[in-house]
Protein backbone atom coordinates (compact mmCIF):
# COMPACT_ATOMS: atom_id res chain seq x y z
CA MET A 1 31.60 -26.34 -3.39
CA THR A 2 33.29 -28.12 -0.50
CA PRO A 3 31.37 -30.47 1.84
CA TRP A 4 31.88 -27.97 4.67
CA LEU A 5 30.14 -25.21 2.71
CA LEU A 6 27.31 -27.56 1.79
CA LYS A 7 26.73 -28.36 5.47
CA ARG A 8 27.15 -24.78 6.64
CA LYS A 9 24.26 -23.51 8.77
CA ILE A 10 22.21 -20.64 7.32
CA HIS A 11 20.63 -18.08 9.62
CA THR A 12 16.90 -18.68 10.01
CA SER A 13 15.99 -15.14 8.94
CA TRP A 14 17.58 -15.67 5.52
CA LEU A 15 15.87 -19.04 5.16
CA ILE A 16 12.56 -17.28 5.87
CA THR A 17 13.47 -14.68 3.22
CA ILE A 18 14.13 -17.39 0.63
CA MET A 19 10.90 -19.13 1.60
CA CYS A 20 8.85 -15.92 1.33
CA LEU A 21 10.24 -15.07 -2.09
CA GLY A 22 9.55 -18.62 -3.24
CA ILE A 23 5.95 -18.32 -2.03
CA PHE A 24 5.55 -15.13 -4.08
CA VAL A 25 6.92 -16.88 -7.19
CA GLY A 26 4.54 -19.79 -6.61
CA VAL A 27 1.50 -17.51 -6.29
CA LEU A 28 2.56 -15.72 -9.46
CA LEU A 29 2.95 -19.07 -11.23
CA ALA A 30 -0.63 -20.01 -10.38
CA ARG A 31 -1.82 -17.14 -12.55
CA TYR A 32 -0.57 -18.99 -15.63
CA ILE A 33 -0.56 -22.68 -14.60
CA TYR A 34 -3.79 -23.66 -12.86
CA SER A 35 -5.14 -26.66 -14.78
CA VAL A 36 -3.62 -29.57 -12.85
CA GLN A 37 -4.82 -33.10 -12.13
CA ILE A 38 -2.93 -33.44 -8.85
CA PRO A 39 -5.16 -33.06 -5.75
CA HIS A 40 -4.40 -29.80 -3.99
CA VAL A 41 -3.93 -31.54 -0.65
CA ILE A 42 -1.03 -33.54 -2.10
CA ILE A 43 0.65 -30.34 -3.34
CA LEU A 44 0.21 -28.80 0.10
CA LEU A 45 1.59 -31.86 1.91
CA VAL A 46 4.69 -32.05 -0.30
CA ALA A 47 5.24 -28.31 0.07
CA VAL A 48 5.05 -28.38 3.87
CA ILE A 49 7.50 -31.30 4.12
CA ALA A 50 9.91 -29.62 1.69
CA ILE A 51 9.79 -26.40 3.77
CA VAL A 52 10.00 -27.89 7.27
CA ILE A 53 13.12 -30.02 6.67
CA PRO A 54 15.40 -27.13 5.54
CA LEU A 55 14.06 -24.83 8.26
CA CYS A 56 14.89 -27.44 10.91
CA ARG A 57 18.29 -28.52 9.54
CA ARG A 58 19.38 -25.11 8.11
CA ASN A 59 22.09 -26.63 5.89
CA THR A 60 23.17 -24.92 2.67
CA TYR A 61 22.59 -27.99 0.52
CA LEU A 62 18.91 -28.00 1.50
CA ILE A 63 18.22 -24.54 0.04
CA PRO A 64 17.02 -25.95 -3.34
CA LEU A 65 14.54 -28.12 -1.42
CA LEU A 66 13.31 -25.04 0.49
CA ILE A 67 12.87 -23.09 -2.75
CA MET A 68 10.92 -25.94 -4.32
CA GLY A 69 8.70 -26.29 -1.23
CA ALA A 70 8.03 -22.56 -1.02
CA ILE A 71 7.10 -22.34 -4.71
CA LEU A 72 4.77 -25.32 -4.32
CA PHE A 73 3.19 -23.74 -1.23
CA GLY A 74 2.58 -20.45 -3.05
CA TRP A 75 1.32 -22.36 -6.10
CA TRP A 76 -1.13 -24.27 -3.88
CA ARG A 77 -2.49 -21.00 -2.44
CA GLY A 78 -2.83 -19.54 -5.93
CA LEU A 79 -4.61 -22.68 -7.18
CA VAL A 80 -7.13 -22.45 -4.34
CA SER A 81 -7.85 -18.83 -5.29
CA GLN A 82 -8.11 -19.73 -8.99
CA ASP A 83 -10.63 -22.48 -8.17
CA GLU A 84 -12.72 -19.94 -6.28
CA LEU A 85 -12.60 -17.49 -9.18
CA MET A 86 -13.68 -20.25 -11.59
CA LEU A 87 -17.15 -19.86 -10.07
CA PHE A 88 -17.44 -16.67 -12.14
CA GLN A 89 -16.69 -18.36 -15.49
CA PRO A 90 -20.32 -19.34 -16.27
CA LEU A 91 -21.44 -15.79 -15.40
CA TYR A 92 -19.21 -13.83 -17.78
CA GLY A 93 -21.16 -12.26 -20.63
CA LYS A 94 -24.48 -12.63 -18.79
CA THR A 95 -26.74 -10.06 -17.15
CA ILE A 96 -26.93 -10.94 -13.47
CA SER A 97 -28.21 -9.56 -10.19
CA ILE A 98 -25.74 -9.64 -7.31
CA GLU A 99 -25.37 -8.16 -3.84
CA GLY A 100 -22.15 -7.01 -2.17
CA ALA A 101 -20.58 -4.70 0.39
CA VAL A 102 -18.90 -1.43 -0.63
CA LYS A 103 -15.23 -2.12 0.13
CA ASP A 104 -13.69 1.36 -0.26
CA ASP A 105 -14.77 4.96 -0.64
CA ILE A 106 -16.55 5.71 -3.90
CA ASP A 107 -14.39 7.03 -6.76
CA THR A 108 -15.52 9.31 -9.60
CA GLY A 109 -14.33 7.94 -12.94
CA SER A 110 -13.18 9.83 -16.02
CA ALA A 111 -16.66 9.57 -17.57
CA ASN A 112 -18.23 11.23 -14.48
CA GLN A 113 -19.49 7.92 -13.12
CA MET A 114 -19.22 6.28 -9.73
CA VAL A 115 -16.55 3.59 -9.41
CA ILE A 116 -17.48 1.07 -6.73
CA ARG A 117 -15.52 -1.89 -5.37
CA LEU A 118 -17.75 -4.65 -4.03
CA ASP A 119 -16.76 -7.67 -1.94
CA GLY A 120 -18.70 -10.03 0.33
CA LEU A 121 -20.59 -11.03 -2.81
CA GLN A 122 -23.89 -12.86 -2.60
CA MET A 123 -25.88 -14.17 -5.56
CA GLY A 124 -29.12 -15.66 -4.34
CA ASP A 125 -28.13 -18.23 -1.70
CA LYS A 126 -24.62 -18.62 -3.20
CA THR A 127 -21.59 -16.80 -1.75
CA LEU A 128 -18.97 -15.74 -4.28
CA PRO A 129 -15.30 -14.87 -3.59
CA GLY A 130 -13.26 -11.94 -4.83
CA THR A 131 -14.01 -8.29 -5.57
CA LEU A 132 -16.03 -6.69 -8.38
CA TRP A 133 -15.16 -3.41 -10.09
CA VAL A 134 -18.45 -1.63 -10.83
CA THR A 135 -19.35 1.64 -12.54
CA ALA A 136 -22.74 3.30 -12.18
CA ALA A 137 -24.43 6.64 -12.72
CA ILE A 138 -23.82 9.14 -9.93
CA GLY A 139 -26.65 9.14 -7.43
CA GLY A 140 -27.68 7.86 -4.04
CA ASP A 141 -25.97 8.21 -0.69
CA ILE A 142 -23.46 5.34 -0.86
CA LYS A 143 -20.75 4.97 1.77
CA ARG A 144 -18.06 2.43 2.56
CA GLY A 145 -19.64 -0.50 4.39
CA ASP A 146 -23.08 -0.17 2.73
CA ARG A 147 -24.53 -3.16 0.89
CA LEU A 148 -25.74 -2.76 -2.69
CA GLU A 149 -27.96 -4.88 -4.86
CA ILE A 150 -27.00 -4.33 -8.51
CA ASN A 151 -27.69 -5.84 -11.90
CA GLY A 152 -25.86 -5.60 -15.17
CA LYS A 153 -23.65 -7.49 -17.59
CA LEU A 154 -20.62 -9.16 -15.97
CA VAL A 155 -17.36 -9.32 -17.95
CA ASN A 156 -13.84 -10.61 -17.22
CA GLY A 157 -11.98 -8.79 -14.49
CA PHE A 158 -8.54 -7.20 -14.51
CA GLY A 159 -5.74 -7.08 -11.95
CA ASN A 160 -7.09 -8.55 -8.73
CA PHE A 161 -10.77 -8.00 -9.65
CA ALA A 162 -12.79 -11.15 -10.27
CA GLY A 163 -15.15 -9.34 -12.63
CA VAL A 164 -16.25 -5.97 -13.98
CA MET A 165 -19.75 -4.59 -14.40
CA TYR A 166 -20.07 -1.40 -16.46
CA LEU A 167 -23.06 0.94 -16.09
CA ALA A 168 -24.64 -1.26 -13.45
CA ASN A 169 -28.16 -0.52 -12.26
CA ILE A 170 -28.28 -0.08 -8.47
CA THR A 171 -31.62 -1.53 -7.41
CA LYS A 172 -31.19 -1.39 -3.65
CA ILE A 173 -28.99 0.41 -1.11
CA ILE A 174 -28.81 -1.08 2.40
CA HIS A 175 -27.32 1.01 5.21
CA PRO A 176 -26.30 -1.45 7.96
CA LYS A 177 -26.73 -0.29 11.54
CA PRO A 178 -24.47 0.88 13.11
CA GLY A 179 -22.38 0.42 9.94
CA ASP A 180 -18.66 0.98 9.51
CA MET A 181 -17.91 2.82 12.77
CA ALA A 182 -14.37 3.77 11.75
CA ARG A 183 -15.71 5.37 8.56
CA ILE A 184 -18.46 7.18 10.50
CA VAL A 185 -15.92 8.64 12.95
CA ARG A 186 -13.66 9.65 10.06
CA ASP A 187 -16.46 11.40 8.17
CA TRP A 188 -17.67 13.11 11.38
CA PHE A 189 -14.21 14.56 11.99
CA ALA A 190 -13.75 15.40 8.28
CA ASP A 191 -16.96 17.46 8.40
CA ALA A 192 -15.52 19.38 11.37
CA VAL A 193 -12.33 20.05 9.40
CA ARG A 194 -14.36 21.37 6.44
CA ARG A 195 -16.12 23.86 8.74
CA ALA A 196 -12.73 25.25 9.76
CA ILE A 197 -10.83 25.08 6.46
CA PRO A 198 -12.21 25.99 3.02
CA GLU A 199 -11.97 23.83 -0.11
CA PRO A 200 -9.80 22.59 -1.73
CA GLU A 201 -7.42 23.00 1.22
CA SER A 202 -9.69 21.03 3.58
CA SER A 203 -9.80 18.00 1.26
CA LEU A 204 -6.01 18.08 0.98
CA GLY A 205 -5.67 18.25 4.77
CA ILE A 206 -8.10 15.37 5.26
CA GLY A 207 -6.09 13.42 2.72
CA PHE A 208 -2.94 14.02 4.79
CA LEU A 209 -4.58 13.03 8.04
CA VAL A 210 -6.56 9.93 7.03
CA GLY A 211 -5.52 9.18 3.46
CA GLN A 212 -8.97 10.02 2.06
CA ARG A 213 -7.78 10.75 -1.48
CA ARG A 214 -11.15 10.09 -3.11
CA SER A 215 -12.69 13.24 -1.64
CA LEU A 216 -10.23 15.48 -3.50
CA PRO A 217 -11.58 17.74 -6.26
CA ALA A 218 -10.80 16.26 -9.66
CA ASP A 219 -8.55 19.14 -10.76
CA LEU A 220 -6.47 18.98 -7.58
CA ALA A 221 -6.15 15.19 -7.84
CA THR A 222 -4.87 15.60 -11.42
CA ALA A 223 -2.44 18.33 -10.35
CA LEU A 224 -1.05 16.13 -7.57
CA GLN A 225 -0.49 13.33 -10.07
CA LEU A 226 1.30 15.60 -12.56
CA ALA A 227 3.48 17.07 -9.79
CA GLY A 228 4.39 13.62 -8.45
CA LEU A 229 2.68 14.26 -5.11
CA THR A 230 -0.19 11.78 -5.15
CA HIS A 231 1.56 9.57 -2.59
CA ILE A 232 1.22 12.19 0.17
CA VAL A 233 -2.59 11.92 0.17
CA VAL A 234 -2.83 8.17 -0.38
CA ALA A 235 -3.37 6.06 2.72
CA SER A 236 0.15 4.74 2.81
CA GLY A 237 3.19 3.97 4.86
CA TYR A 238 4.31 7.61 4.90
CA ASN A 239 1.20 8.89 6.71
CA LEU A 240 1.19 5.91 9.05
CA THR A 241 4.91 6.17 9.80
CA ILE A 242 4.51 9.81 10.89
CA LEU A 243 1.70 8.86 13.30
CA VAL A 244 3.45 5.77 14.67
CA ARG A 245 6.73 7.61 15.27
CA LEU A 246 4.84 10.42 17.00
CA ALA A 247 2.93 8.00 19.27
CA ARG A 248 6.08 6.05 20.12
CA ARG A 249 8.17 9.14 20.93
CA LEU A 250 5.45 10.80 23.02
CA PHE A 251 5.29 7.93 25.51
CA VAL A 252 8.76 6.37 25.32
CA ARG A 253 9.91 8.51 28.27
CA VAL A 254 7.04 7.12 30.36
CA SER A 255 7.52 3.44 29.54
CA LYS A 256 8.48 1.28 26.61
CA TYR A 257 5.28 -0.74 27.03
CA LEU A 258 3.02 2.33 26.88
CA SER A 259 4.97 3.63 23.89
CA ALA A 260 4.50 0.35 21.98
CA LEU A 261 0.84 0.13 23.02
CA SER A 262 0.02 3.66 21.85
CA ALA A 263 1.79 3.10 18.54
CA SER A 264 -0.06 -0.22 18.08
CA VAL A 265 -3.41 1.50 18.71
CA MET A 266 -2.40 4.13 16.14
CA ILE A 267 -1.69 1.43 13.54
CA PHE A 268 -4.99 -0.33 14.18
CA ALA A 269 -7.02 2.89 14.18
CA PHE A 270 -5.41 4.28 11.02
CA VAL A 271 -5.92 1.04 9.07
CA ALA A 272 -9.54 0.83 10.28
CA ILE A 273 -10.26 4.45 9.31
CA THR A 274 -8.64 4.32 5.87
CA GLY A 275 -9.77 0.78 4.96
CA ILE A 276 -7.70 -2.30 4.21
CA SER A 277 -6.42 -1.44 0.75
CA PRO A 278 -3.39 -3.24 -0.72
CA SER A 279 -1.07 -0.36 0.21
CA MET A 280 -2.49 -0.12 3.74
CA SER A 281 -2.26 -3.87 4.35
CA ARG A 282 1.44 -3.61 3.50
CA ALA A 283 1.95 -0.44 5.53
CA GLY A 284 0.17 -1.78 8.60
CA LEU A 285 2.04 -5.08 8.49
CA VAL A 286 5.47 -3.47 8.02
CA ALA A 287 4.85 -0.87 10.75
CA GLY A 288 3.58 -3.56 13.14
CA LEU A 289 6.55 -5.86 12.56
CA SER A 290 9.02 -2.96 12.89
CA LEU A 291 7.35 -1.86 16.13
CA GLY A 292 7.46 -5.40 17.51
CA ALA A 293 11.16 -5.71 16.65
CA TRP A 294 11.87 -2.39 18.37
CA TYR A 295 9.95 -3.39 21.50
CA TYR A 296 11.83 -6.68 21.93
CA GLY A 297 15.20 -5.12 21.11
CA ARG A 298 15.51 -6.91 17.79
CA LYS A 299 16.34 -5.71 14.31
CA PHE A 300 14.70 -6.63 11.04
CA HIS A 301 16.83 -6.57 7.92
CA PRO A 302 14.76 -4.59 5.38
CA ILE A 303 15.06 -7.37 2.79
CA VAL A 304 13.72 -9.90 5.32
CA LEU A 305 10.91 -7.55 6.31
CA LEU A 306 10.05 -6.81 2.68
CA SER A 307 9.98 -10.50 1.76
CA LEU A 308 7.86 -11.43 4.78
CA ALA A 309 5.33 -8.68 4.06
CA ILE A 310 5.12 -9.75 0.41
CA ALA A 311 4.48 -13.39 1.33
CA VAL A 312 1.86 -12.61 3.99
CA THR A 313 -0.13 -10.23 1.77
CA VAL A 314 -0.18 -12.53 -1.28
CA MET A 315 -1.18 -15.47 0.90
CA ILE A 316 -4.13 -13.43 2.16
CA ASN A 317 -5.03 -12.25 -1.35
CA PRO A 318 -3.14 -13.81 -4.30
CA GLY A 319 -4.75 -11.20 -6.56
CA TYR A 320 -2.26 -8.64 -5.26
CA ALA A 321 0.51 -10.48 -7.12
CA TRP A 322 -1.59 -10.85 -10.27
CA GLY A 323 -1.74 -7.18 -11.23
CA ASP A 324 -2.57 -4.81 -8.36
CA LEU A 325 -0.69 -1.61 -9.19
CA GLY A 326 -1.22 -0.06 -5.75
CA TRP A 327 0.31 -3.10 -4.07
CA GLN A 328 3.30 -3.05 -6.42
CA LEU A 329 3.93 0.67 -5.93
CA SER A 330 3.60 0.34 -2.18
CA PHE A 331 6.35 -2.26 -1.97
CA ALA A 332 8.54 -0.42 -4.47
CA ALA A 333 8.35 2.78 -2.42
CA PHE A 334 9.07 0.77 0.73
CA ALA A 335 12.19 -0.73 -0.87
CA GLY A 336 13.33 2.73 -1.96
CA VAL A 337 13.01 4.26 1.50
CA MET A 338 14.37 1.33 3.53
CA ILE A 339 17.06 -0.07 1.22
CA LEU A 340 18.21 2.44 -1.39
CA ALA A 341 17.91 5.58 0.79
CA PRO A 342 20.05 4.35 3.76
CA LEU A 343 22.71 3.05 1.37
CA ALA A 344 22.75 6.35 -0.53
CA SER A 345 22.97 8.32 2.74
CA ARG A 346 25.97 6.31 3.87
CA TYR A 347 27.61 6.42 0.43
CA PHE A 348 27.36 10.22 0.02
CA PHE A 349 27.64 11.34 3.67
CA GLY A 350 29.67 8.58 5.31
CA ASP A 351 29.24 8.32 9.08
CA LYS A 352 27.87 11.86 9.23
CA LYS A 353 24.09 11.92 9.49
CA PRO A 354 22.52 14.06 6.74
CA GLY A 355 20.37 17.03 7.67
CA THR A 356 16.58 16.93 7.61
CA ILE A 357 16.24 18.47 4.15
CA GLN A 358 19.02 16.29 2.77
CA GLN A 359 17.46 13.17 4.28
CA ILE A 360 14.04 13.98 2.83
CA LEU A 361 15.63 14.63 -0.55
CA ILE A 362 17.46 11.28 -0.48
CA GLU A 363 14.33 9.36 0.58
CA THR A 364 12.19 11.16 -2.01
CA VAL A 365 14.63 10.54 -4.85
CA SER A 366 15.07 6.90 -3.76
CA ALA A 367 11.32 6.27 -3.70
CA GLN A 368 10.90 7.99 -7.07
CA ILE A 369 13.69 5.90 -8.63
CA VAL A 370 12.34 2.57 -7.42
CA THR A 371 8.70 3.29 -8.30
CA ALA A 372 9.44 4.93 -11.67
CA PRO A 373 9.62 1.70 -13.77
CA ILE A 374 6.20 0.56 -12.49
CA LEU A 375 4.65 4.02 -12.95
CA ILE A 376 5.97 4.28 -16.50
CA ALA A 377 4.78 0.77 -17.38
CA GLY A 378 1.37 1.38 -15.80
CA PHE A 379 0.63 4.96 -16.93
CA GLY A 380 3.16 5.68 -19.70
CA GLN A 381 4.00 8.91 -17.91
CA LEU A 382 6.85 10.17 -15.73
CA SER A 383 6.78 13.35 -13.63
CA ASN A 384 9.81 15.56 -14.31
CA VAL A 385 9.10 17.86 -11.37
CA ALA A 386 8.45 15.26 -8.66
CA ILE A 387 11.77 15.70 -6.87
CA ILE A 388 11.49 19.50 -6.61
CA SER A 389 7.81 19.49 -5.65
CA ASN A 390 8.37 16.80 -3.01
CA LEU A 391 11.27 18.76 -1.55
CA LEU A 392 9.06 21.85 -1.21
CA VAL A 393 6.01 20.04 0.20
CA LEU A 394 7.04 16.80 1.93
CA PRO A 395 8.91 18.33 4.94
CA LEU A 396 5.76 20.26 5.87
CA VAL A 397 3.36 17.28 5.82
CA PRO A 398 3.79 16.38 9.55
CA LEU A 399 3.13 20.01 10.53
CA ALA A 400 0.11 20.13 8.21
CA MET A 401 -1.29 16.95 9.79
CA LEU A 402 -0.93 18.50 13.25
CA LEU A 403 -2.56 21.80 12.25
CA VAL A 404 -5.44 20.03 10.49
CA PHE A 405 -6.03 17.91 13.59
CA ILE A 406 -6.06 21.05 15.77
CA ALA A 407 -8.47 22.74 13.34
CA GLY A 408 -10.83 19.76 13.46
CA CYS A 409 -10.76 19.60 17.26
CA GLY A 410 -11.22 23.37 17.49
CA SER A 411 -14.21 23.19 15.17
CA LEU A 412 -15.84 20.60 17.43
CA ILE A 413 -15.08 22.40 20.70
CA LEU A 414 -15.48 26.03 19.56
CA PRO A 415 -17.67 25.91 16.44
CA ARG A 416 -18.12 29.71 16.29
CA LEU A 417 -14.33 30.19 16.19
CA SER A 418 -13.65 27.33 13.80
CA THR A 419 -12.47 29.58 10.95
CA ILE A 420 -9.99 31.37 13.24
CA VAL A 421 -8.67 28.09 14.68
CA GLY A 422 -8.26 26.76 11.15
CA MET A 423 -6.32 29.77 9.81
CA PRO A 424 -2.78 28.33 10.39
CA ALA A 425 -3.74 25.08 8.62
CA THR A 426 -5.46 27.01 5.83
CA GLY A 427 -2.36 29.12 5.19
CA LEU A 428 0.00 26.14 5.08
CA LEU A 429 -2.34 24.05 2.92
CA ASN A 430 -2.86 26.99 0.56
CA TYR A 431 0.91 27.12 0.05
CA MET A 432 0.96 23.39 -0.73
CA VAL A 433 -1.91 23.71 -3.22
CA SER A 434 -0.16 26.65 -4.92
CA VAL A 435 3.11 24.69 -5.23
CA THR A 436 1.24 21.70 -6.63
CA GLU A 437 -0.68 23.72 -9.21
CA PHE A 438 2.41 25.69 -10.24
CA PHE A 439 4.47 22.60 -11.05
CA ALA A 440 1.53 20.72 -12.55
CA ASN A 441 0.88 23.56 -15.00
CA LEU A 442 4.44 23.67 -16.31
CA PRO A 443 4.45 22.52 -19.97
CA TRP A 444 7.35 20.14 -19.30
CA ALA A 445 5.96 18.71 -16.04
CA THR A 446 5.62 15.18 -17.44
CA THR A 447 7.16 13.02 -20.12
CA ASN A 448 5.34 10.27 -21.99
CA VAL A 449 7.39 7.06 -21.96
CA GLN A 450 6.37 3.53 -22.92
CA PHE A 451 7.82 0.50 -21.11
CA VAL A 452 7.30 -3.21 -21.70
CA TRP A 453 7.93 -5.83 -19.02
CA TRP A 454 11.53 -6.57 -19.99
CA CYS A 455 12.39 -2.86 -19.73
CA VAL A 456 11.03 -2.90 -16.17
CA MET A 457 13.20 -5.94 -15.37
CA ILE A 458 16.32 -4.26 -16.78
CA CYS A 459 15.65 -1.14 -14.69
CA TYR A 460 15.33 -3.16 -11.47
CA LEU A 461 18.45 -5.17 -12.26
CA ALA A 462 20.31 -1.88 -12.70
CA ILE A 463 18.89 -0.49 -9.42
CA SER A 464 19.87 -3.72 -7.64
CA GLY A 465 23.37 -3.44 -9.08
CA VAL A 466 23.73 0.12 -7.76
CA CYS A 467 22.52 -0.99 -4.31
CA ILE A 468 25.02 -3.86 -4.22
CA TYR A 469 27.84 -1.52 -5.28
CA MET A 470 27.02 1.03 -2.54
CA TRP A 471 26.65 -1.74 0.05
CA ARG A 472 30.04 -3.21 -0.83
CA SER A 473 31.64 0.24 -0.85
CA THR A 474 30.23 1.38 2.51
CA LYS A 475 29.86 -1.96 4.36
CA TYR A 476 26.67 -0.45 5.79
CA ASN A 477 24.51 -2.80 7.87
CA LEU A 478 20.91 -2.28 6.78
CA ARG A 479 19.73 -3.85 10.06
CA ASP A 480 20.55 -0.53 11.73
CA PHE A 481 17.58 1.13 9.99
CA ASN A 482 14.21 0.86 11.73
CA LEU A 483 11.03 2.34 10.28
CA VAL A 484 9.53 3.42 13.62
CA GLU A 485 12.59 5.06 15.15
């Protein structure tokens, strides 16, 4: 490499991308290397110096220094989290009493038990970090935001959970006043929807509108999974993107400021209502950054945006990088829609913009391709009907969200006419349920496949190779794609 190339200036956005990816690698490294004698403050100091110099100078030859600094910075953050989790080590295998806040809506497990996620943990006068995964017998009125006092045997956690407590005994339920206001408003509106639309259609509609998947009947939830449609009722980027685009387009003719403000309020409200899950933290961050770039007339390259969102979320919670399947699937789907789909559109259609159905098909197939290796590795199962079922259902989701919202408002304003107001939504949702159940009941709907980690890596290398080939063939500039437009 010539001296000129070594001194060549690199654009700051690509330096940030390299730094963010290095931070992710460092956080991941802390999962396996956490017994060190070096004071953490020294690691942090070296990391900051090694990052600042390349960002200021921007020379090519300083990239290795930037990578080293970013990995050290991520490693430092992971070590801090590991030290916090070490507080649980003396407790594993013991029966303890602990108090915590219900983080998400209650799930019903396969053994007909409640599955509860607790954070804000308190044990006596000691505050503990992390989140517990708890199962308990069904009973009691437990909502997101309530505080529980439980006792049971604590065992090692999995994924991003610090510990697990099976068959815990709930000794006390505390309902804070006023409680989780966003959840209260959501449940109040959901009750109005249920008065206008019968089950299971109402639960599906509520899932579309606010991502409340855990209220779905068990058989419908299973059918959605088999048909490859679970993502449409998970609080995710797809639901949020529909709402943000709607808010932005409604007010853009009035003023750009009002358009950005309304879309920002939509992001904040949706995240508050659904809860800050791994997928929603990613979706909210990506939508917010895309909206900010649009407002200031800038463009985010999807790879830069993806890398930045990865780094921010793992810095907030390193556990996401240590085995959170929802977080992994969220970013994989994001990469499929914002990287693979635009390249495929340009490769197959050239400068001609594909039609609505064609665009949905491309985005659906792209998301399915990029998430498939993780789904197979995590569940050992692949939906064979996902593309067809998504094509039949996905284009109608925005209309369904609108009709469900109208039904809920009509139920509140005209309670005696709620069933009539809800008829259009009921008819559309009934069609969606029928499609889902039809494809889920096909004997060949799914295929059992087993993947190990190196198979996943080979798949993503192949997908990356295809993306590079299409990019080189089309010369398409991915900066032209914006999530909120």
